[in-house]
Amino acid sequence: MALALSPRIACIVLAAGAGRRFSHDRDKLLMDLSGKPLLQHAIDAAAASSCVACSVVVGDNAERIANAVDLRRCALVQNTQPDDGISSSLRTGLGYHMGEDACIFMLADQPYVTPEYIDALCERFGRRRQSIVALRQGDVWGAPVLFPNADFEALALLRGDAGAKRYALTQRKRLEFVAARDRRAFADVDSIADYKRLAKPLKGRRALENR
């Protein structure tokens, strides 16, 4: 009997948001965090994962980002309508990776998401290829989230700030989780206070556990 081929999974880093809650005159994604731009942490995680492809969806900040980060093996994909909300970035990323078996959406400002977390989503999907797979810590879950190709069309129909999580909630029977022991996995940077709290050496990342 022929062995099933491993699924082709792409990782999409969503980096087109303006970050208005953070500061009107600073690009939070380029602020230094432990010696490199905040966005670089997400790029490094995506590039080091087992995903066959990765991309960074940017908006009007495309040139600044291209000049400030090392894209590793990730493609830089521009969302030409970032003011239309996060759904426009989902469509942009999906359009670039339409031929893959699944896509993982991760946020650009979550520096504690590791390659191991991303790979765990891929591994779970490899066993049950109809599943939507998300990261969870306790009662909290969210990005990164993996969606099979069968969901791409429905995700592309989202509008405004309707994100991937909202769609996942309509598919609860197919929703599965990979659990992370580190509660900081969902830590993001939406304000100066968030940045100051995270502006410490990123150390002590604990291993994940699958449940």
N, C-alpha and C. Protein backbone atom coordinates (compact mmCIF):
# COMPACT_ATOMS: atom_id res chain seq x y z
N MET A 1 0.84 -1.19 0.00
CA MET A 1 0.00 0.00 0.00
C MET A 1 0.87 1.25 0.00
N ALA A 2 0.56 2.19 -0.87
CA ALA A 2 1.35 3.41 -0.97
C ALA A 2 1.19 4.27 0.27
N LEU A 3 2.30 4.87 0.68
CA LEU A 3 2.26 5.75 1.85
C LEU A 3 1.67 7.09 1.45
N ALA A 4 0.88 7.67 2.36
CA ALA A 4 0.30 8.99 2.10
C ALA A 4 1.39 10.05 2.14
N LEU A 5 1.34 10.95 1.21
CA LEU A 5 2.32 12.03 1.18
C LEU A 5 2.04 13.01 2.31
N SER A 6 3.10 13.60 2.83
CA SER A 6 2.93 14.62 3.87
C SER A 6 2.21 15.82 3.26
N PRO A 7 1.30 16.42 4.01
CA PRO A 7 0.58 17.58 3.48
C PRO A 7 1.49 18.77 3.26
N ARG A 8 1.19 19.54 2.25
CA ARG A 8 1.92 20.77 1.99
C ARG A 8 1.22 21.90 2.75
N ILE A 9 1.93 22.47 3.70
CA ILE A 9 1.35 23.48 4.58
C ILE A 9 2.19 24.75 4.50
N ALA A 10 1.52 25.88 4.35
CA ALA A 10 2.19 27.18 4.32
C ALA A 10 1.90 27.94 5.61
N CYS A 11 2.84 28.76 6.02
CA CYS A 11 2.66 29.61 7.20
C CYS A 11 2.61 31.07 6.76
N ILE A 12 1.54 31.76 7.15
CA ILE A 12 1.32 33.14 6.75
C ILE A 12 1.42 34.05 7.98
N VAL A 13 2.39 34.95 7.98
CA VAL A 13 2.55 35.92 9.07
C VAL A 13 1.78 37.18 8.70
N LEU A 14 0.81 37.54 9.52
CA LEU A 14 -0.04 38.70 9.24
C LEU A 14 0.59 39.96 9.84
N ALA A 15 1.12 40.82 8.97
CA ALA A 15 1.88 41.98 9.43
C ALA A 15 1.42 43.28 8.79
N ALA A 16 0.19 43.32 8.28
CA ALA A 16 -0.28 44.52 7.58
C ALA A 16 -1.02 45.50 8.48
N GLY A 17 -1.31 45.13 9.73
CA GLY A 17 -2.06 45.99 10.63
C GLY A 17 -1.31 47.26 10.96
N ALA A 18 -2.06 48.33 11.16
CA ALA A 18 -1.44 49.63 11.45
C ALA A 18 -1.00 49.77 12.90
N GLY A 19 -1.50 48.92 13.80
CA GLY A 19 -1.12 49.01 15.19
C GLY A 19 -1.53 50.31 15.84
N ARG A 20 -2.74 50.78 15.54
CA ARG A 20 -3.16 52.10 16.04
C ARG A 20 -3.24 52.16 17.57
N ARG A 21 -3.51 51.02 18.21
CA ARG A 21 -3.59 51.04 19.66
C ARG A 21 -2.21 51.20 20.28
N PHE A 22 -1.18 50.99 19.51
CA PHE A 22 0.18 51.04 20.03
C PHE A 22 0.72 52.47 20.03
N SER A 23 0.89 53.03 18.86
CA SER A 23 1.42 54.39 18.76
C SER A 23 1.22 54.88 17.34
N HIS A 24 0.77 56.11 17.21
CA HIS A 24 0.45 56.63 15.88
C HIS A 24 1.69 56.96 15.06
N ASP A 25 2.86 57.08 15.71
CA ASP A 25 4.04 57.52 14.97
C ASP A 25 5.18 56.50 15.01
N ARG A 26 4.89 55.27 15.42
CA ARG A 26 5.94 54.25 15.48
C ARG A 26 5.40 52.95 14.92
N ASP A 27 6.23 52.26 14.16
CA ASP A 27 5.85 50.95 13.64
C ASP A 27 6.28 49.92 14.68
N LYS A 28 5.31 49.40 15.41
CA LYS A 28 5.64 48.50 16.51
C LYS A 28 6.40 47.27 16.03
N LEU A 29 6.13 46.83 14.82
CA LEU A 29 6.75 45.60 14.33
C LEU A 29 8.25 45.74 14.14
N LEU A 30 8.74 46.97 14.07
CA LEU A 30 10.17 47.20 13.87
C LEU A 30 10.88 47.63 15.14
N MET A 31 10.16 47.71 16.25
CA MET A 31 10.79 48.05 17.52
C MET A 31 11.61 46.88 18.03
N ASP A 32 12.73 47.21 18.66
CA ASP A 32 13.66 46.18 19.12
C ASP A 32 13.08 45.38 20.29
N LEU A 33 13.17 44.08 20.19
CA LEU A 33 12.78 43.19 21.27
C LEU A 33 13.83 42.10 21.37
N SER A 34 14.61 42.14 22.43
CA SER A 34 15.68 41.17 22.65
C SER A 34 16.66 41.13 21.48
N GLY A 35 17.01 42.32 20.99
CA GLY A 35 18.08 42.40 20.00
C GLY A 35 17.67 42.32 18.55
N LYS A 36 16.38 42.22 18.28
CA LYS A 36 15.94 42.20 16.89
C LYS A 36 14.52 42.73 16.80
N PRO A 37 14.08 43.15 15.61
CA PRO A 37 12.73 43.70 15.48
C PRO A 37 11.67 42.70 15.93
N LEU A 38 10.60 43.22 16.51
CA LEU A 38 9.51 42.36 16.97
C LEU A 38 9.07 41.39 15.88
N LEU A 39 8.89 41.90 14.66
CA LEU A 39 8.44 41.05 13.56
C LEU A 39 9.42 39.93 13.26
N GLN A 40 10.71 40.16 13.48
CA GLN A 40 11.71 39.15 13.16
C GLN A 40 11.49 37.86 13.94
N HIS A 41 10.97 37.96 15.15
CA HIS A 41 10.70 36.76 15.95
C HIS A 41 9.69 35.87 15.24
N ALA A 42 8.63 36.47 14.70
CA ALA A 42 7.62 35.68 13.98
C ALA A 42 8.18 35.10 12.69
N ILE A 43 8.95 35.90 11.96
CA ILE A 43 9.55 35.42 10.72
C ILE A 43 10.47 34.24 11.00
N ASP A 44 11.30 34.37 12.02
CA ASP A 44 12.23 33.30 12.36
C ASP A 44 11.50 32.01 12.70
N ALA A 45 10.40 32.13 13.44
CA ALA A 45 9.63 30.94 13.82
C ALA A 45 9.02 30.28 12.59
N ALA A 46 8.44 31.07 11.71
CA ALA A 46 7.83 30.52 10.50
C ALA A 46 8.87 29.86 9.61
N ALA A 47 10.01 30.54 9.43
CA ALA A 47 11.05 30.03 8.54
C ALA A 47 11.70 28.76 9.07
N ALA A 48 11.77 28.62 10.39
CA ALA A 48 12.40 27.44 10.99
C ALA A 48 11.45 26.27 11.14
N SER A 49 10.18 26.47 10.83
CA SER A 49 9.19 25.40 10.97
C SER A 49 9.28 24.43 9.80
N SER A 50 8.47 23.39 9.86
CA SER A 50 8.46 22.38 8.80
C SER A 50 7.56 22.76 7.63
N CYS A 51 6.94 23.93 7.67
CA CYS A 51 6.06 24.36 6.58
C CYS A 51 6.85 24.44 5.27
N VAL A 52 6.21 24.05 4.18
CA VAL A 52 6.90 24.03 2.89
C VAL A 52 7.10 25.43 2.33
N ALA A 53 6.32 26.38 2.81
CA ALA A 53 6.43 27.76 2.34
C ALA A 53 5.97 28.69 3.44
N CYS A 54 6.45 29.93 3.39
CA CYS A 54 5.98 30.92 4.35
C CYS A 54 5.99 32.29 3.69
N SER A 55 5.12 33.15 4.19
CA SER A 55 5.03 34.49 3.63
C SER A 55 4.72 35.48 4.74
N VAL A 56 5.02 36.74 4.48
CA VAL A 56 4.71 37.83 5.40
C VAL A 56 3.81 38.80 4.65
N VAL A 57 2.57 38.93 5.11
CA VAL A 57 1.62 39.84 4.45
C VAL A 57 1.77 41.22 5.07
N VAL A 58 2.13 42.18 4.26
CA VAL A 58 2.36 43.54 4.72
C VAL A 58 1.40 44.50 4.02
N GLY A 59 1.32 45.71 4.54
CA GLY A 59 0.45 46.72 3.94
C GLY A 59 1.28 47.88 3.43
N ASP A 60 0.93 49.10 3.90
CA ASP A 60 1.67 50.29 3.49
C ASP A 60 3.08 50.32 4.06
N ASN A 61 3.35 49.41 4.99
CA ASN A 61 4.67 49.35 5.63
C ASN A 61 5.64 48.45 4.88
N ALA A 62 5.31 48.06 3.66
CA ALA A 62 6.10 47.07 2.92
C ALA A 62 7.57 47.46 2.78
N GLU A 63 7.83 48.68 2.36
CA GLU A 63 9.22 49.09 2.12
C GLU A 63 10.01 49.14 3.42
N ARG A 64 9.41 49.68 4.47
CA ARG A 64 10.10 49.75 5.77
C ARG A 64 10.45 48.36 6.26
N ILE A 65 9.51 47.45 6.14
CA ILE A 65 9.76 46.09 6.62
C ILE A 65 10.83 45.40 5.78
N ALA A 66 10.75 45.54 4.48
CA ALA A 66 11.73 44.90 3.60
C ALA A 66 13.15 45.35 3.92
N ASN A 67 13.29 46.61 4.34
CA ASN A 67 14.61 47.16 4.64
C ASN A 67 15.09 46.87 6.06
N ALA A 68 14.19 46.39 6.91
CA ALA A 68 14.53 46.27 8.33
C ALA A 68 14.66 44.84 8.84
N VAL A 69 14.12 43.86 8.12
CA VAL A 69 14.14 42.49 8.63
C VAL A 69 14.81 41.56 7.64
N ASP A 70 15.19 40.39 8.14
CA ASP A 70 15.69 39.31 7.30
C ASP A 70 14.52 38.37 7.05
N LEU A 71 14.06 38.30 5.83
CA LEU A 71 12.89 37.48 5.50
C LEU A 71 13.17 35.99 5.51
N ARG A 72 14.44 35.62 5.70
CA ARG A 72 14.79 34.18 5.65
C ARG A 72 14.27 33.60 4.34
N ARG A 73 13.45 32.58 4.43
CA ARG A 73 12.90 31.97 3.22
C ARG A 73 11.46 32.42 2.95
N CYS A 74 10.99 33.41 3.69
CA CYS A 74 9.61 33.87 3.54
C CYS A 74 9.47 34.87 2.40
N ALA A 75 8.36 34.80 1.70
CA ALA A 75 8.05 35.78 0.66
C ALA A 75 7.37 36.99 1.28
N LEU A 76 7.62 38.16 0.72
CA LEU A 76 6.95 39.38 1.16
C LEU A 76 5.77 39.62 0.21
N VAL A 77 4.56 39.61 0.75
CA VAL A 77 3.35 39.72 -0.06
C VAL A 77 2.59 40.96 0.40
N GLN A 78 2.29 41.86 -0.52
CA GLN A 78 1.65 43.12 -0.13
C GLN A 78 0.14 43.07 -0.25
N ASN A 79 -0.52 43.44 0.84
CA ASN A 79 -1.96 43.64 0.86
C ASN A 79 -2.21 45.08 0.41
N THR A 80 -2.82 45.25 -0.74
CA THR A 80 -3.02 46.59 -1.29
C THR A 80 -4.22 47.31 -0.69
N GLN A 81 -4.98 46.60 0.16
CA GLN A 81 -6.16 47.21 0.78
C GLN A 81 -6.18 46.95 2.29
N PRO A 82 -5.11 47.30 3.00
CA PRO A 82 -5.04 46.99 4.43
C PRO A 82 -6.11 47.66 5.27
N ASP A 83 -6.65 48.79 4.80
CA ASP A 83 -7.69 49.49 5.55
C ASP A 83 -9.01 48.73 5.54
N ASP A 84 -9.11 47.69 4.74
CA ASP A 84 -10.33 46.89 4.70
C ASP A 84 -10.40 45.87 5.83
N GLY A 85 -9.42 45.89 6.73
CA GLY A 85 -9.46 45.01 7.89
C GLY A 85 -8.64 43.75 7.71
N ILE A 86 -8.56 42.97 8.78
CA ILE A 86 -7.72 41.78 8.76
C ILE A 86 -8.17 40.77 7.71
N SER A 87 -9.46 40.78 7.37
CA SER A 87 -9.94 39.85 6.35
C SER A 87 -9.23 40.05 5.02
N SER A 88 -8.84 41.29 4.72
CA SER A 88 -8.13 41.54 3.47
C SER A 88 -6.74 40.90 3.47
N SER A 89 -6.13 40.82 4.65
CA SER A 89 -4.83 40.15 4.76
C SER A 89 -4.98 38.64 4.63
N LEU A 90 -6.08 38.11 5.18
CA LEU A 90 -6.34 36.68 5.01
C LEU A 90 -6.45 36.35 3.53
N ARG A 91 -7.23 37.14 2.80
CA ARG A 91 -7.41 36.89 1.37
C ARG A 91 -6.08 37.01 0.61
N THR A 92 -5.28 37.99 0.98
CA THR A 92 -4.00 38.18 0.31
C THR A 92 -3.10 36.96 0.51
N GLY A 93 -3.01 36.50 1.75
CA GLY A 93 -2.18 35.34 2.03
C GLY A 93 -2.68 34.08 1.36
N LEU A 94 -3.98 33.86 1.43
CA LEU A 94 -4.56 32.67 0.80
C LEU A 94 -4.36 32.71 -0.71
N GLY A 95 -4.49 33.88 -1.30
CA GLY A 95 -4.29 33.98 -2.74
C GLY A 95 -2.89 33.58 -3.16
N TYR A 96 -1.93 33.86 -2.31
CA TYR A 96 -0.54 33.52 -2.61
C TYR A 96 -0.28 32.03 -2.45
N HIS A 97 -0.99 31.39 -1.52
CA HIS A 97 -0.73 29.98 -1.21
C HIS A 97 -1.92 29.08 -1.57
N MET A 98 -2.70 29.46 -2.54
CA MET A 98 -3.94 28.76 -2.84
C MET A 98 -3.73 27.28 -3.15
N GLY A 99 -2.58 26.90 -3.65
CA GLY A 99 -2.35 25.51 -4.04
C GLY A 99 -1.92 24.59 -2.92
N GLU A 100 -1.73 25.11 -1.72
CA GLU A 100 -1.27 24.27 -0.61
C GLU A 100 -2.43 23.50 0.02
N ASP A 101 -2.10 22.45 0.75
CA ASP A 101 -3.12 21.63 1.41
C ASP A 101 -3.72 22.32 2.63
N ALA A 102 -2.96 23.22 3.22
CA ALA A 102 -3.43 23.94 4.41
C ALA A 102 -2.57 25.18 4.60
N CYS A 103 -3.11 26.14 5.33
CA CYS A 103 -2.36 27.35 5.68
C CYS A 103 -2.49 27.62 7.17
N ILE A 104 -1.41 28.09 7.75
CA ILE A 104 -1.41 28.51 9.15
C ILE A 104 -1.33 30.03 9.18
N PHE A 105 -2.24 30.66 9.91
CA PHE A 105 -2.19 32.10 10.11
C PHE A 105 -1.57 32.37 11.48
N MET A 106 -0.53 33.18 11.51
CA MET A 106 0.05 33.60 12.78
C MET A 106 0.19 35.12 12.76
N LEU A 107 0.18 35.70 13.96
CA LEU A 107 0.25 37.16 14.09
C LEU A 107 1.70 37.61 14.18
N ALA A 108 1.96 38.79 13.66
CA ALA A 108 3.33 39.30 13.60
C ALA A 108 3.87 39.75 14.94
N ASP A 109 2.98 39.96 15.93
CA ASP A 109 3.41 40.54 17.20
C ASP A 109 3.29 39.57 18.37
N GLN A 110 3.48 38.27 18.09
CA GLN A 110 3.46 37.25 19.14
C GLN A 110 4.83 36.59 19.21
N PRO A 111 5.79 37.19 19.92
CA PRO A 111 7.17 36.70 19.88
C PRO A 111 7.41 35.37 20.56
N TYR A 112 6.44 34.87 21.32
CA TYR A 112 6.63 33.60 22.01
C TYR A 112 6.08 32.41 21.23
N VAL A 113 5.58 32.62 20.03
CA VAL A 113 5.19 31.50 19.18
C VAL A 113 6.47 30.92 18.58
N THR A 114 6.70 29.64 18.79
CA THR A 114 7.94 29.00 18.37
C THR A 114 7.72 28.09 17.17
N PRO A 115 8.82 27.67 16.51
CA PRO A 115 8.68 26.70 15.42
C PRO A 115 8.03 25.40 15.90
N GLU A 116 8.28 25.04 17.15
CA GLU A 116 7.70 23.80 17.68
C GLU A 116 6.18 23.88 17.75
N TYR A 117 5.65 25.02 18.11
CA TYR A 117 4.20 25.19 18.12
C TYR A 117 3.63 25.02 16.71
N ILE A 118 4.27 25.67 15.75
CA ILE A 118 3.82 25.58 14.36
C ILE A 118 3.88 24.14 13.87
N ASP A 119 4.98 23.46 14.17
CA ASP A 119 5.12 22.07 13.73
C ASP A 119 4.09 21.16 14.37
N ALA A 120 3.70 21.46 15.60
CA ALA A 120 2.69 20.65 16.27
C ALA A 120 1.33 20.77 15.58
N LEU A 121 1.01 21.97 15.10
CA LEU A 121 -0.22 22.14 14.33
C LEU A 121 -0.16 21.30 13.06
N CYS A 122 0.99 21.34 12.40
CA CYS A 122 1.16 20.56 11.16
C CYS A 122 1.02 19.06 11.43
N GLU A 123 1.62 18.61 12.51
CA GLU A 123 1.57 17.18 12.84
C GLU A 123 0.15 16.73 13.12
N ARG A 124 -0.60 17.54 13.86
CA ARG A 124 -1.99 17.18 14.15
C ARG A 124 -2.81 17.13 12.86
N PHE A 125 -2.61 18.10 11.98
CA PHE A 125 -3.33 18.10 10.71
C PHE A 125 -2.95 16.89 9.86
N GLY A 126 -1.70 16.48 9.93
CA GLY A 126 -1.26 15.33 9.16
C GLY A 126 -1.99 14.06 9.54
N ARG A 127 -2.47 14.00 10.78
CA ARG A 127 -3.21 12.82 11.24
C ARG A 127 -4.70 12.92 10.95
N ARG A 128 -5.23 14.15 10.94
CA ARG A 128 -6.66 14.35 10.67
C ARG A 128 -6.81 15.57 9.77
N ARG A 129 -6.86 15.30 8.48
CA ARG A 129 -6.72 16.36 7.49
C ARG A 129 -7.99 17.17 7.24
N GLN A 130 -9.03 16.87 7.93
CA GLN A 130 -10.23 17.71 7.83
C GLN A 130 -10.31 18.72 8.97
N SER A 131 -9.36 18.63 9.89
CA SER A 131 -9.44 19.44 11.12
C SER A 131 -8.92 20.85 10.93
N ILE A 132 -9.54 21.77 11.66
CA ILE A 132 -8.98 23.10 11.90
C ILE A 132 -8.23 22.99 13.22
N VAL A 133 -6.97 23.40 13.25
CA VAL A 133 -6.14 23.18 14.43
C VAL A 133 -5.62 24.51 14.96
N ALA A 134 -5.81 24.74 16.25
CA ALA A 134 -5.39 26.01 16.87
C ALA A 134 -4.53 25.75 18.10
N LEU A 135 -3.77 26.74 18.48
CA LEU A 135 -2.98 26.69 19.70
C LEU A 135 -3.86 27.06 20.88
N ARG A 136 -3.67 26.39 22.01
CA ARG A 136 -4.47 26.68 23.20
C ARG A 136 -3.60 26.62 24.45
N GLN A 137 -3.88 27.52 25.38
CA GLN A 137 -3.25 27.48 26.70
C GLN A 137 -4.36 27.70 27.71
N GLY A 138 -4.72 26.65 28.44
CA GLY A 138 -5.84 26.75 29.36
C GLY A 138 -7.13 26.96 28.60
N ASP A 139 -7.85 28.01 28.97
CA ASP A 139 -9.12 28.32 28.31
C ASP A 139 -8.96 29.29 27.14
N VAL A 140 -7.74 29.70 26.88
CA VAL A 140 -7.48 30.68 25.82
C VAL A 140 -6.96 29.98 24.58
N TRP A 141 -7.52 30.32 23.44
CA TRP A 141 -7.01 29.77 22.19
C TRP A 141 -7.07 30.81 21.09
N GLY A 142 -6.27 30.59 20.07
CA GLY A 142 -6.24 31.54 18.96
C GLY A 142 -5.05 31.28 18.07
N ALA A 143 -4.58 32.34 17.40
CA ALA A 143 -3.46 32.22 16.48
C ALA A 143 -2.19 31.79 17.22
N PRO A 144 -1.42 30.91 16.54
CA PRO A 144 -1.58 30.44 15.17
C PRO A 144 -2.70 29.41 15.02
N VAL A 145 -3.38 29.49 13.88
CA VAL A 145 -4.48 28.57 13.57
C VAL A 145 -4.27 28.02 12.16
N LEU A 146 -4.47 26.71 12.01
CA LEU A 146 -4.32 26.04 10.72
C LEU A 146 -5.69 25.74 10.11
N PHE A 147 -5.82 26.04 8.82
CA PHE A 147 -7.05 25.76 8.09
C PHE A 147 -6.75 24.91 6.86
N PRO A 148 -7.54 23.84 6.64
CA PRO A 148 -7.38 23.04 5.42
C PRO A 148 -7.77 23.84 4.18
N ASN A 149 -7.29 23.39 3.04
CA ASN A 149 -7.61 24.04 1.77
C ASN A 149 -9.12 24.14 1.54
N ALA A 150 -9.86 23.16 2.05
CA ALA A 150 -11.32 23.17 1.86
C ALA A 150 -11.99 24.39 2.46
N ASP A 151 -11.31 25.07 3.39
CA ASP A 151 -11.87 26.26 4.04
C ASP A 151 -11.43 27.56 3.38
N PHE A 152 -10.53 27.49 2.42
CA PHE A 152 -9.98 28.72 1.86
C PHE A 152 -11.06 29.61 1.25
N GLU A 153 -11.99 29.00 0.53
CA GLU A 153 -13.02 29.80 -0.14
C GLU A 153 -13.88 30.55 0.87
N ALA A 154 -14.27 29.86 1.95
CA ALA A 154 -15.10 30.51 2.97
C ALA A 154 -14.32 31.62 3.68
N LEU A 155 -13.05 31.39 3.94
CA LEU A 155 -12.23 32.42 4.59
C LEU A 155 -12.09 33.65 3.69
N ALA A 156 -12.02 33.42 2.40
CA ALA A 156 -11.87 34.53 1.46
C ALA A 156 -13.13 35.39 1.38
N LEU A 157 -14.25 34.87 1.86
CA LEU A 157 -15.50 35.62 1.84
C LEU A 157 -15.67 36.53 3.05
N LEU A 158 -14.80 36.39 4.05
CA LEU A 158 -14.87 37.25 5.23
C LEU A 158 -14.59 38.70 4.84
N ARG A 159 -15.20 39.62 5.55
CA ARG A 159 -15.02 41.03 5.26
C ARG A 159 -14.73 41.82 6.53
N GLY A 160 -14.11 42.96 6.36
CA GLY A 160 -13.81 43.84 7.49
C GLY A 160 -12.85 43.20 8.48
N ASP A 161 -13.14 43.38 9.75
CA ASP A 161 -12.27 42.83 10.79
C ASP A 161 -12.73 41.46 11.27
N ALA A 162 -13.53 40.78 10.46
CA ALA A 162 -13.89 39.40 10.77
C ALA A 162 -12.68 38.52 10.49
N GLY A 163 -12.10 37.97 11.56
CA GLY A 163 -10.88 37.20 11.41
C GLY A 163 -11.12 35.71 11.30
N ALA A 164 -10.01 34.98 11.20
CA ALA A 164 -10.08 33.54 11.02
C ALA A 164 -10.71 32.84 12.23
N LYS A 165 -10.50 33.39 13.43
CA LYS A 165 -11.07 32.77 14.62
C LYS A 165 -12.59 32.79 14.57
N ARG A 166 -13.16 33.87 14.08
CA ARG A 166 -14.62 33.95 13.98
C ARG A 166 -15.16 32.85 13.08
N TYR A 167 -14.47 32.61 11.98
CA TYR A 167 -14.90 31.53 11.10
C TYR A 167 -14.72 30.17 11.78
N ALA A 168 -13.61 29.98 12.48
CA ALA A 168 -13.35 28.70 13.15
C ALA A 168 -14.46 28.37 14.14
N LEU A 169 -15.02 29.38 14.78
CA LEU A 169 -16.09 29.15 15.75
C LEU A 169 -17.35 28.60 15.09
N THR A 170 -17.50 28.78 13.80
CA THR A 170 -18.65 28.21 13.09
C THR A 170 -18.41 26.76 12.71
N GLN A 171 -17.20 26.28 12.97
CA GLN A 171 -16.82 24.91 12.60
C GLN A 171 -16.34 24.14 13.83
N ARG A 172 -17.05 24.30 14.93
CA ARG A 172 -16.58 23.76 16.21
C ARG A 172 -16.33 22.25 16.18
N LYS A 173 -17.14 21.51 15.43
CA LYS A 173 -16.99 20.05 15.41
C LYS A 173 -15.68 19.61 14.77
N ARG A 174 -15.10 20.48 13.99
CA ARG A 174 -13.83 20.16 13.32
C ARG A 174 -12.63 20.80 14.01
N LEU A 175 -12.88 21.54 15.07
CA LEU A 175 -11.83 22.32 15.72
C LEU A 175 -11.07 21.46 16.72
N GLU A 176 -9.75 21.41 16.57
CA GLU A 176 -8.88 20.68 17.49
C GLU A 176 -7.80 21.62 18.00
N PHE A 177 -7.15 21.20 19.09
CA PHE A 177 -6.18 22.09 19.73
C PHE A 177 -4.86 21.39 20.01
N VAL A 178 -3.81 22.18 19.95
CA VAL A 178 -2.50 21.80 20.45
C VAL A 178 -2.25 22.69 21.66
N ALA A 179 -1.95 22.09 22.79
CA ALA A 179 -1.82 22.85 24.03
C ALA A 179 -0.37 23.25 24.30
N ALA A 180 -0.17 24.50 24.69
CA ALA A 180 1.14 25.01 25.05
C ALA A 180 1.21 25.22 26.55
N ARG A 181 2.27 24.76 27.17
CA ARG A 181 2.41 24.95 28.62
C ARG A 181 2.74 26.40 28.97
N ASP A 182 3.40 27.09 28.06
CA ASP A 182 3.82 28.47 28.32
C ASP A 182 2.66 29.42 28.08
N ARG A 183 2.18 30.05 29.12
CA ARG A 183 1.03 30.95 29.00
C ARG A 183 1.36 32.20 28.19
N ARG A 184 2.65 32.45 27.97
CA ARG A 184 3.03 33.62 27.19
C ARG A 184 2.86 33.41 25.69
N ALA A 185 2.45 32.22 25.28
CA ALA A 185 2.32 31.94 23.85
C ALA A 185 1.41 32.94 23.15
N PHE A 186 0.41 33.46 23.88
CA PHE A 186 -0.53 34.40 23.27
C PHE A 186 -0.20 35.86 23.58
N ALA A 187 0.93 36.09 24.24
CA ALA A 187 1.32 37.46 24.55
C ALA A 187 1.59 38.22 23.25
N ASP A 188 0.93 39.37 23.09
CA ASP A 188 1.16 40.18 21.91
C ASP A 188 1.44 41.62 22.34
N VAL A 189 1.68 42.47 21.37
CA VAL A 189 2.08 43.85 21.67
C VAL A 189 1.07 44.80 21.05
N ASP A 190 0.07 45.18 21.84
CA ASP A 190 -0.96 46.11 21.38
C ASP A 190 -0.82 47.49 22.00
N SER A 191 0.13 47.64 22.94
CA SER A 191 0.29 48.93 23.62
C SER A 191 1.73 49.08 24.09
N ILE A 192 2.08 50.30 24.47
CA ILE A 192 3.41 50.54 25.02
C ILE A 192 3.63 49.70 26.27
N ALA A 193 2.58 49.54 27.07
CA ALA A 193 2.70 48.73 28.29
C ALA A 193 3.03 47.28 27.94
N ASP A 194 2.38 46.75 26.90
CA ASP A 194 2.69 45.39 26.46
C ASP A 194 4.16 45.28 26.05
N TYR A 195 4.63 46.27 25.31
CA TYR A 195 6.01 46.24 24.84
C TYR A 195 6.98 46.25 26.01
N LYS A 196 6.75 47.10 26.99
CA LYS A 196 7.65 47.18 28.14
C LYS A 196 7.66 45.87 28.91
N ARG A 197 6.51 45.22 28.98
CA ARG A 197 6.42 43.96 29.71
C ARG A 197 7.20 42.85 29.00
N LEU A 198 7.20 42.89 27.68
CA LEU A 198 7.87 41.84 26.92
C LEU A 198 9.31 42.17 26.57
N ALA A 199 9.72 43.42 26.79
CA ALA A 199 11.07 43.85 26.40
C ALA A 199 12.11 43.32 27.38
N LYS A 200 12.13 42.03 27.54
CA LYS A 200 13.09 41.33 28.38
C LYS A 200 13.60 40.16 27.56
N PRO A 201 14.74 39.60 27.93
CA PRO A 201 15.25 38.46 27.16
C PRO A 201 14.21 37.37 27.02
N LEU A 202 14.00 36.91 25.81
CA LEU A 202 13.06 35.83 25.57
C LEU A 202 13.74 34.52 25.93
N LYS A 203 13.52 34.07 27.14
CA LYS A 203 14.17 32.86 27.59
C LYS A 203 13.16 32.00 28.33
N GLY A 204 13.56 30.79 28.58
CA GLY A 204 12.71 29.90 29.34
C GLY A 204 11.48 29.45 28.61
N ARG A 205 11.54 29.41 27.27
CA ARG A 205 10.38 28.91 26.53
C ARG A 205 10.21 27.43 26.84
N ARG A 206 9.06 27.10 27.33
CA ARG A 206 8.82 25.72 27.73
C ARG A 206 8.23 24.94 26.58
N ALA A 207 8.44 23.64 26.66
CA ALA A 207 7.95 22.77 25.59
C ALA A 207 6.44 22.72 25.59
N LEU A 208 5.90 22.39 24.44
CA LEU A 208 4.46 22.22 24.33
C LEU A 208 4.09 20.78 24.62
N GLU A 209 2.82 20.57 24.78
CA GLU A 209 2.33 19.21 24.93
C GLU A 209 1.06 19.08 24.12
N ASN A 210 0.92 17.99 23.44
CA ASN A 210 -0.28 17.74 22.64
C ASN A 210 -1.32 17.06 23.49
N ARG A 211 -2.57 17.48 23.32
CA ARG A 211 -3.67 16.87 24.06
C ARG A 211 -4.76 16.49 23.09
